[in-house]
């Protein structure tokens, strides 16, 4: 369907700003209808062909939220683009608007040019809705870190790996704290507890790029972080389907999404692992880690995680004088350890306590250098696959022979 030359915009507002809105829209060649109440607006949409509605949050009688819900319930306006205007930019007001069915939310004061731009975007998307895309959208890589047991350094590696990827892909990397019960990515990064994944799953039907960016915390490095719930009792609100949708949205808008998984085998964790492009299995050179690695290998085979394709072993604290050597682990599992990271020693503990990851505080530290090398190898693997290579191990060195 071709876009109308002069789309009709319905303004539902009851204050003096309506004249300024009318002037801005009319000056851009848009037709304008004006309603002062929600009831009048409903009468207009039944009588006229409306292309987009701009609704004031505070209206006499039926407020803006109630009007939007009414519009979404009517077949003729179910897909109508709706923008809400408000005098507050509080996140909870925005959430309430999206829950009511709003497509866009604009807080005063705003520039007329921004309003016109947003209207044009919404009109264009409305015209394209339902049409098949000419090309498939580019999807970023999802990297999941899973510990063979707790205390193997999974979060430390995950945080520093995310920062290393962020240096190569500025503004295009997201770290998801997938340890929903006891995640401490915020502690590692020195971020204050704020919005969490719960702010998204409770509004999962209305999550879009704008809402994602409001909930993601931005670290000074540019890395964006999705935190786990503050209260473990709230974890049950997170369903596997929620995670699948959020991970897909994040992957479509970023180059890399790094997920620090909890060390338990529940449906949430399996959802993450199944959707991952690469799984980094973090182990330590001790009997407990090796035993749990065997359990994970058996599980991977049962749920068809394609062990030989996307799971890569990371040996943390490699070279420790006590424990099982890397060669012995490779002999037992007949598989190459792709990454080995030496112990960071007291420097790692100190960096966590300060909330400054080692990659930022001591970039020349051997731990930071090895994690950076791992990030470079992951990028090389992604590039090789995009180029059509059939060998998933390009950039990782040879596999152990069986």
Protein backbone atom coordinates (compact mmCIF):
# COMPACT_ATOMS: atom_id res chain seq x y z
CA UNK A 1 0.00 0.00 0.00
CA UNK A 2 1.47 3.32 -1.02
CA UNK A 3 1.66 6.09 1.55
CA UNK A 4 -0.97 8.84 1.25
CA UNK A 5 0.27 12.18 0.02
CA UNK A 6 -1.39 14.03 2.92
CA UNK A 7 -1.83 11.69 5.90
CA UNK A 8 -4.49 12.65 8.41
CA UNK A 9 -3.33 13.20 11.98
CA UNK A 10 -5.79 13.26 14.88
CA UNK A 11 -4.69 15.47 17.79
CA UNK A 12 -6.45 14.74 21.08
CA UNK A 13 -5.51 17.53 23.45
CA UNK A 14 -7.15 20.04 25.74
CA UNK A 15 -4.70 22.90 26.25
CA UNK A 16 -3.23 25.92 24.48
CA UNK A 17 -0.40 23.91 22.87
CA UNK A 18 -2.85 22.50 20.34
CA UNK A 19 -2.44 25.61 18.17
CA UNK A 20 1.32 25.12 18.03
CA UNK A 21 0.88 21.46 17.14
CA UNK A 22 -1.63 22.32 14.43
CA UNK A 23 0.74 24.87 12.91
CA UNK A 24 3.71 22.47 12.92
CA UNK A 25 1.77 19.60 11.35
CA UNK A 26 -0.05 21.71 8.80
CA UNK A 27 3.22 23.36 7.80
CA UNK A 28 4.59 19.87 7.03
CA UNK A 29 1.68 19.13 4.69
CA UNK A 30 -0.27 16.92 7.09
CA UNK A 31 -4.04 17.03 7.46
CA UNK A 32 -5.10 17.74 11.04
CA UNK A 33 -8.23 16.83 13.00
CA UNK A 34 -8.62 18.17 16.54
CA UNK A 35 -10.49 16.57 19.45
CA UNK A 36 -10.68 17.95 22.99
CA UNK A 37 -11.83 14.80 24.76
CA UNK A 38 -11.43 11.05 24.45
CA UNK A 39 -15.11 10.64 23.66
CA UNK A 40 -14.86 13.10 20.77
CA UNK A 41 -11.76 11.31 19.48
CA UNK A 42 -13.62 7.97 19.38
CA UNK A 43 -16.38 9.62 17.37
CA UNK A 44 -13.83 11.00 14.89
CA UNK A 45 -12.07 7.67 14.27
CA UNK A 46 -15.45 6.11 13.52
CA UNK A 47 -16.21 8.83 10.98
CA UNK A 48 -12.85 9.67 9.34
CA UNK A 49 -9.88 7.79 7.95
CA UNK A 50 -7.12 8.51 10.50
CA UNK A 51 -3.48 7.63 9.80
CA UNK A 52 -1.99 8.50 13.22
CA UNK A 53 -3.26 9.76 16.58
CA UNK A 54 -1.41 12.09 18.95
CA UNK A 55 -2.96 11.70 22.40
CA UNK A 56 -2.39 13.89 25.44
CA UNK A 57 -1.91 11.84 28.59
CA UNK A 58 -4.04 14.17 30.77
CA UNK A 59 -7.49 14.64 29.27
CA UNK A 60 -10.77 15.66 30.91
CA UNK A 61 -13.02 12.69 31.62
CA UNK A 62 -11.50 9.70 29.81
CA UNK A 63 -7.73 10.09 30.18
CA UNK A 64 -5.16 9.31 27.49
CA UNK A 65 -4.44 5.80 28.80
CA UNK A 66 -8.12 4.82 28.70
CA UNK A 67 -8.53 6.29 25.21
CA UNK A 68 -5.57 4.27 23.90
CA UNK A 69 -6.97 1.07 25.36
CA UNK A 70 -10.29 1.79 23.68
CA UNK A 71 -8.58 2.37 20.33
CA UNK A 72 -6.68 -0.91 20.63
CA UNK A 73 -9.91 -2.83 21.30
CA UNK A 74 -11.64 -1.59 18.13
CA UNK A 75 -10.88 -3.54 14.92
CA UNK A 76 -10.65 -0.39 12.78
CA UNK A 77 -8.03 1.25 15.03
CA UNK A 78 -6.27 -1.82 16.41
CA UNK A 79 -3.19 -1.12 14.27
CA UNK A 80 -3.45 2.69 14.31
CA UNK A 81 -0.09 4.33 15.20
CA UNK A 82 -0.51 6.20 18.50
CA UNK A 83 1.85 8.75 20.03
CA UNK A 84 1.38 10.01 23.56
CA UNK A 85 2.35 13.49 24.74
CA UNK A 86 3.05 14.17 28.40
CA UNK A 87 4.64 16.68 30.70
CA UNK A 88 6.63 13.97 32.49
CA UNK A 89 9.39 11.65 31.28
CA UNK A 90 9.28 9.31 34.27
CA UNK A 91 9.95 5.72 33.27
CA UNK A 92 6.84 4.40 35.05
CA UNK A 93 4.62 6.78 33.09
CA UNK A 94 6.18 5.51 29.89
CA UNK A 95 5.60 1.92 30.94
CA UNK A 96 1.94 2.72 31.66
CA UNK A 97 1.63 4.26 28.19
CA UNK A 98 3.14 1.25 26.45
CA UNK A 99 0.87 -1.03 28.49
CA UNK A 100 -2.09 0.97 27.18
CA UNK A 101 -0.99 0.31 23.59
CA UNK A 102 1.00 3.43 22.73
CA UNK A 103 3.63 3.14 19.97
CA UNK A 104 5.66 6.22 20.92
CA UNK A 105 5.96 8.56 23.91
CA UNK A 106 7.19 12.14 23.79
CA UNK A 107 7.72 14.33 26.86
CA UNK A 108 7.55 18.10 26.84
CA UNK A 109 9.33 20.27 26.07
CA UNK A 110 10.19 18.98 22.62
CA UNK A 111 11.26 20.44 19.31
CA UNK A 112 8.71 20.49 16.50
CA UNK A 113 11.30 18.86 14.22
CA UNK A 114 11.58 15.87 16.57
CA UNK A 115 7.81 15.46 16.62
CA UNK A 116 7.63 15.55 12.82
CA UNK A 117 10.47 13.04 12.54
CA UNK A 118 8.75 10.61 14.90
CA UNK A 119 5.46 11.00 13.04
CA UNK A 120 7.18 10.21 9.74
CA UNK A 121 8.83 7.11 11.25
CA UNK A 122 5.53 5.83 12.60
CA UNK A 123 3.69 6.48 9.34
CA UNK A 124 6.38 4.68 7.35
CA UNK A 125 6.36 1.68 9.69
CA UNK A 126 2.59 1.55 9.54
CA UNK A 127 2.70 1.40 5.74
CA UNK A 128 5.31 -1.35 5.82
CA UNK A 129 3.60 -3.43 8.51
CA UNK A 130 2.90 -6.91 7.25
CA UNK A 131 5.08 -6.58 4.16
CA UNK A 132 7.86 -9.18 3.86
CA UNK A 133 11.36 -7.68 4.23
CA UNK A 134 13.49 -7.55 1.13
CA UNK A 135 16.46 -8.91 3.02
CA UNK A 136 16.76 -10.67 6.36
CA UNK A 137 17.80 -8.35 9.21
CA UNK A 138 21.38 -8.67 10.37
CA UNK A 139 21.58 -10.63 13.60
CA UNK A 140 24.40 -10.17 16.07
CA UNK A 141 26.23 -13.02 17.79
CA UNK A 142 24.97 -14.41 21.08
CA UNK A 143 27.75 -15.66 23.36
CA UNK A 144 26.79 -17.58 26.50
CA UNK A 145 29.19 -18.24 29.36
CA UNK A 146 28.39 -21.30 31.45
CA UNK A 147 30.34 -22.50 34.46
CA UNK A 148 30.84 -26.17 35.04
CA UNK A 149 30.16 -25.22 38.67
CA UNK A 150 30.02 -22.07 40.76
CA UNK A 151 33.19 -20.17 41.58
CA UNK A 152 35.07 -20.88 38.34
CA UNK A 153 35.44 -17.20 37.40
CA UNK A 154 32.60 -17.11 34.89
CA UNK A 155 31.37 -13.59 35.72
CA UNK A 156 34.87 -12.13 35.90
CA UNK A 157 35.67 -13.52 32.47
CA UNK A 158 32.27 -12.53 31.07
CA UNK A 159 32.51 -8.91 32.21
CA UNK A 160 36.05 -8.44 30.91
CA UNK A 161 35.24 -10.26 27.66
CA UNK A 162 32.27 -7.92 27.09
CA UNK A 163 34.52 -4.90 27.60
CA UNK A 164 37.08 -6.31 25.18
CA UNK A 165 34.38 -6.83 22.53
CA UNK A 166 33.05 -3.33 23.24
CA UNK A 167 36.44 -1.84 22.37
CA UNK A 168 36.25 -3.46 18.96
CA UNK A 169 32.53 -2.79 18.44
CA UNK A 170 31.82 0.56 20.16
CA UNK A 171 28.22 0.91 21.29
CA UNK A 172 27.23 -2.46 19.84
CA UNK A 173 27.75 -4.87 22.75
CA UNK A 174 25.33 -5.81 25.53
CA UNK A 175 26.10 -7.85 28.65
CA UNK A 176 23.13 -9.75 30.10
CA UNK A 177 23.41 -10.87 33.72
CA UNK A 178 21.77 -14.25 33.32
CA UNK A 179 22.58 -15.37 36.87
CA UNK A 180 19.04 -14.40 37.84
CA UNK A 181 19.24 -15.47 41.49
CA UNK A 182 22.65 -14.17 42.52
CA UNK A 183 24.03 -12.13 39.63
CA UNK A 184 26.69 -9.57 40.48
CA UNK A 185 27.67 -8.08 37.12
CA UNK A 186 26.72 -4.66 38.53
CA UNK A 187 29.21 -5.17 41.36
CA UNK A 188 32.01 -6.05 38.94
CA UNK A 189 31.30 -2.93 36.87
CA UNK A 190 30.64 -0.54 39.73
CA UNK A 191 27.09 0.13 38.48
CA UNK A 192 24.35 1.20 40.90
CA UNK A 193 21.36 -1.15 41.09
CA UNK A 194 18.64 0.31 38.89
CA UNK A 195 16.39 -1.08 36.18
CA UNK A 196 16.50 -4.84 35.74
CA UNK A 197 15.19 -7.48 33.38
CA UNK A 198 11.93 -7.44 35.37
CA UNK A 199 11.16 -4.00 33.90
CA UNK A 200 11.02 -5.76 30.52
CA UNK A 201 9.41 -9.12 31.24
CA UNK A 202 6.46 -7.48 33.01
CA UNK A 203 5.82 -5.52 29.78
CA UNK A 204 7.04 -8.11 27.32
CA UNK A 205 4.30 -7.45 24.74
CA UNK A 206 5.38 -3.80 24.42
CA UNK A 207 9.15 -4.12 24.41
CA UNK A 208 10.82 -2.29 21.52
CA UNK A 209 14.20 -0.68 20.89
CA UNK A 210 13.32 2.48 22.79
CA UNK A 211 12.17 0.62 25.90
CA UNK A 212 15.24 -1.62 25.78
CA UNK A 213 17.54 1.40 25.74
CA UNK A 214 15.72 2.89 28.73
CA UNK A 215 16.21 -0.25 30.81
CA UNK A 216 19.78 -1.10 29.77
CA UNK A 217 22.39 0.50 32.04
CA UNK A 218 25.23 2.25 30.27
CA UNK A 219 28.72 1.78 31.68
CA UNK A 220 31.22 4.64 31.16
CA UNK A 221 33.03 2.39 28.66
CA UNK A 222 29.92 2.36 26.44
CA UNK A 223 29.02 -1.22 27.34
CA UNK A 224 25.28 -1.63 28.00
CA UNK A 225 24.13 -4.02 30.71
CA UNK A 226 20.84 -5.79 31.47
CA UNK A 227 20.84 -6.58 35.18
CA UNK A 228 19.30 -9.55 36.97
CA UNK A 229 16.46 -9.08 39.50
CA UNK A 230 17.40 -7.57 42.84
CA UNK A 231 15.10 -9.94 44.75
CA UNK A 232 15.57 -13.69 44.11
CA UNK A 233 11.86 -14.19 44.81
CA UNK A 234 11.08 -12.33 41.57
CA UNK A 235 13.03 -14.74 39.36
CA UNK A 236 9.98 -16.96 38.84
CA UNK A 237 8.38 -14.09 36.90
CA UNK A 238 10.98 -14.65 34.17
CA UNK A 239 9.71 -17.28 31.75
CA UNK A 240 11.78 -19.01 29.03
CA UNK A 241 9.60 -17.38 26.36
CA UNK A 242 10.46 -13.95 27.81
CA UNK A 243 14.16 -14.69 27.50
CA UNK A 244 13.80 -15.95 23.93
CA UNK A 245 12.08 -12.72 22.86
CA UNK A 246 14.50 -10.42 24.68
CA UNK A 247 17.58 -12.20 23.36
CA UNK A 248 16.24 -12.02 19.81
CA UNK A 249 15.56 -8.29 20.17
CA UNK A 250 19.00 -7.64 21.62
CA UNK A 251 20.75 -9.73 18.97
CA UNK A 252 18.97 -7.88 16.16
CA UNK A 253 20.18 -4.51 17.41
CA UNK A 254 23.77 -5.31 18.42
CA UNK A 255 26.91 -7.01 17.18
CA UNK A 256 27.43 -9.10 20.33
CA UNK A 257 25.22 -10.10 23.23
CA UNK A 258 27.16 -11.76 26.06
CA UNK A 259 25.11 -13.71 28.60
CA UNK A 260 26.56 -14.70 31.97
CA UNK A 261 24.49 -17.83 32.72
CA UNK A 262 23.69 -19.23 36.14
CA UNK A 263 25.32 -22.58 36.94
CA UNK A 264 22.06 -24.53 37.09
CA UNK A 265 20.21 -26.57 34.51
CA UNK A 266 16.74 -25.02 34.43
CA UNK A 267 14.52 -24.08 31.48
CA UNK A 268 15.75 -20.49 31.51
CA UNK A 269 19.37 -21.52 31.20
CA UNK A 270 18.62 -24.09 28.50
CA UNK A 271 16.74 -21.43 26.51
CA UNK A 272 19.84 -19.24 26.54
CA UNK A 273 22.19 -22.08 25.61
CA UNK A 274 19.97 -23.27 22.78
CA UNK A 275 19.85 -19.79 21.23
CA UNK A 276 23.56 -19.11 21.66
CA UNK A 277 25.91 -18.99 18.68
CA UNK A 278 28.87 -19.82 20.92
CA UNK A 279 28.95 -21.32 24.41
CA UNK A 280 32.06 -20.75 26.48
CA UNK A 281 32.28 -23.54 29.05
CA UNK A 282 34.39 -22.20 31.92
CA UNK A 283 36.29 -24.80 33.93
CA UNK A 284 39.12 -24.86 36.46
CA UNK A 285 41.87 -27.47 36.63
CA UNK A 286 40.31 -29.41 39.52
CA UNK A 287 38.42 -32.67 39.88
CA UNK A 288 35.06 -31.01 40.59
CA UNK A 289 35.18 -28.89 37.43
CA UNK A 290 36.21 -31.80 35.25
CA UNK A 291 33.46 -34.01 36.69
CA UNK A 292 30.84 -31.34 36.04
CA UNK A 293 32.21 -30.80 32.55
CA UNK A 294 31.43 -34.45 31.83
CA UNK A 295 27.87 -33.94 33.11
CA UNK A 296 27.46 -30.89 30.90
CA UNK A 297 28.74 -32.82 27.89
CA UNK A 298 26.12 -35.52 28.44
CA UNK A 299 23.38 -32.91 28.81
CA UNK A 300 24.51 -31.11 25.65
CA UNK A 301 24.21 -34.34 23.70
CA UNK A 302 20.72 -35.03 25.07
CA UNK A 303 19.32 -31.60 24.22
CA UNK A 304 21.21 -31.44 20.92
CA UNK A 305 23.36 -28.39 21.73
CA UNK A 306 25.76 -29.44 18.98
CA UNK A 307 28.76 -29.88 21.27
CA UNK A 308 31.27 -30.06 18.42
CA UNK A 309 29.91 -26.93 16.80
CA UNK A 310 29.41 -24.15 19.30
CA UNK A 311 30.74 -25.17 22.72
CA UNK A 312 34.30 -24.04 23.45
CA UNK A 313 36.25 -24.84 26.57
CA UNK A 314 37.91 -22.08 28.57
CA UNK A 315 40.40 -23.25 31.18
CA UNK A 316 40.62 -20.60 33.90
CA UNK A 317 43.60 -20.51 36.25
CA UNK A 318 45.56 -22.51 33.70
CA UNK A 319 49.08 -23.42 34.72
CA UNK A 320 48.25 -23.82 38.40
CA UNK A 321 50.82 -25.99 40.08
CA UNK A 322 48.18 -28.00 41.88
CA UNK A 323 45.34 -29.59 39.94
CA UNK A 324 44.79 -31.38 36.67
CA UNK A 325 46.89 -30.23 33.73
CA UNK A 326 45.41 -29.01 30.46
CA UNK A 327 46.87 -31.93 28.50
CA UNK A 328 45.26 -34.43 30.87
CA UNK A 329 41.84 -32.74 30.49
CA UNK A 330 42.21 -32.84 26.71
CA UNK A 331 43.18 -36.51 26.87
CA UNK A 332 40.15 -37.39 28.98
CA UNK A 333 37.65 -35.62 26.74
CA UNK A 334 39.51 -36.00 23.45
CA UNK A 335 38.95 -32.33 22.80
CA UNK A 336 41.18 -29.29 22.47
CA UNK A 337 40.95 -26.58 25.12
CA UNK A 338 40.50 -23.51 22.92
CA UNK A 339 41.30 -20.88 25.55
CA UNK A 340 43.58 -20.89 28.56
CA UNK A 341 43.61 -18.01 31.03
CA UNK A 342 46.15 -17.81 33.80
CA UNK A 343 45.12 -16.92 37.33
CA UNK A 344 44.70 -13.19 37.86
CA UNK A 345 45.72 -13.52 41.48
CA UNK A 346 44.93 -10.78 44.01
CA UNK A 347 44.57 -8.25 41.20
CA UNK A 348 41.27 -9.82 40.11
CA UNK A 349 39.82 -9.73 43.62
CA UNK A 350 40.93 -6.13 44.06
CA UNK A 351 39.35 -5.13 40.73
CA UNK A 352 36.01 -6.65 41.76
CA UNK A 353 36.09 -4.86 45.11
CA UNK A 354 36.76 -1.53 43.35
CA UNK A 355 34.15 -2.13 40.66
CA UNK A 356 36.81 -1.54 37.99
CA UNK A 357 37.37 -4.62 35.76
CA UNK A 358 40.98 -5.59 35.19
CA UNK A 359 40.70 -4.87 31.47
CA UNK A 360 40.12 -1.20 32.33
CA UNK A 361 42.19 -0.84 35.49
CA UNK A 362 45.23 -2.86 34.39
CA UNK A 363 45.02 -3.46 30.63
CA UNK A 364 48.60 -4.81 30.55
CA UNK A 365 47.88 -7.47 33.14
CA UNK A 366 48.29 -11.01 31.69
CA UNK A 367 44.65 -11.82 32.53
CA UNK A 368 43.44 -8.75 30.62
CA UNK A 369 45.67 -9.54 27.64
CA UNK A 370 44.47 -13.15 27.44
CA UNK A 371 40.80 -12.14 27.65
CA UNK A 372 41.41 -9.57 24.90
CA UNK A 373 42.97 -12.29 22.75
CA UNK A 374 39.91 -14.45 23.34
CA UNK A 375 37.63 -11.61 22.20
CA UNK A 376 39.71 -11.19 19.04
CA UNK A 377 39.46 -14.91 18.32
CA UNK A 378 35.67 -14.84 18.77
CA UNK A 379 35.42 -11.95 16.33
CA UNK A 380 37.63 -13.85 13.89
CA UNK A 381 35.37 -16.87 14.18
CA UNK A 382 32.29 -14.73 13.50
CA UNK A 383 33.94 -13.19 10.46
CA UNK A 384 34.94 -16.60 9.13
CA UNK A 385 31.41 -17.94 9.41
CA UNK A 386 29.89 -14.87 7.78
CA UNK A 387 32.33 -15.38 4.92
CA UNK A 388 30.93 -18.88 4.44
CA UNK A 389 33.63 -21.03 5.99
CA UNK A 390 32.42 -24.48 6.96
CA UNK A 391 35.04 -24.91 9.68
CA UNK A 392 33.74 -23.58 13.02
CA UNK A 393 37.25 -23.79 14.50
CA UNK A 394 38.97 -21.22 12.29
CA UNK A 395 40.86 -18.94 14.65
CA UNK A 396 40.80 -21.43 17.52
CA UNK A 397 43.54 -23.86 16.64
CA UNK A 398 43.21 -27.57 15.92
CA UNK A 399 40.89 -29.96 17.73
CA UNK A 400 42.34 -32.84 19.61
CA UNK A 401 42.42 -35.99 17.58
CA UNK A 402 40.30 -38.84 18.77
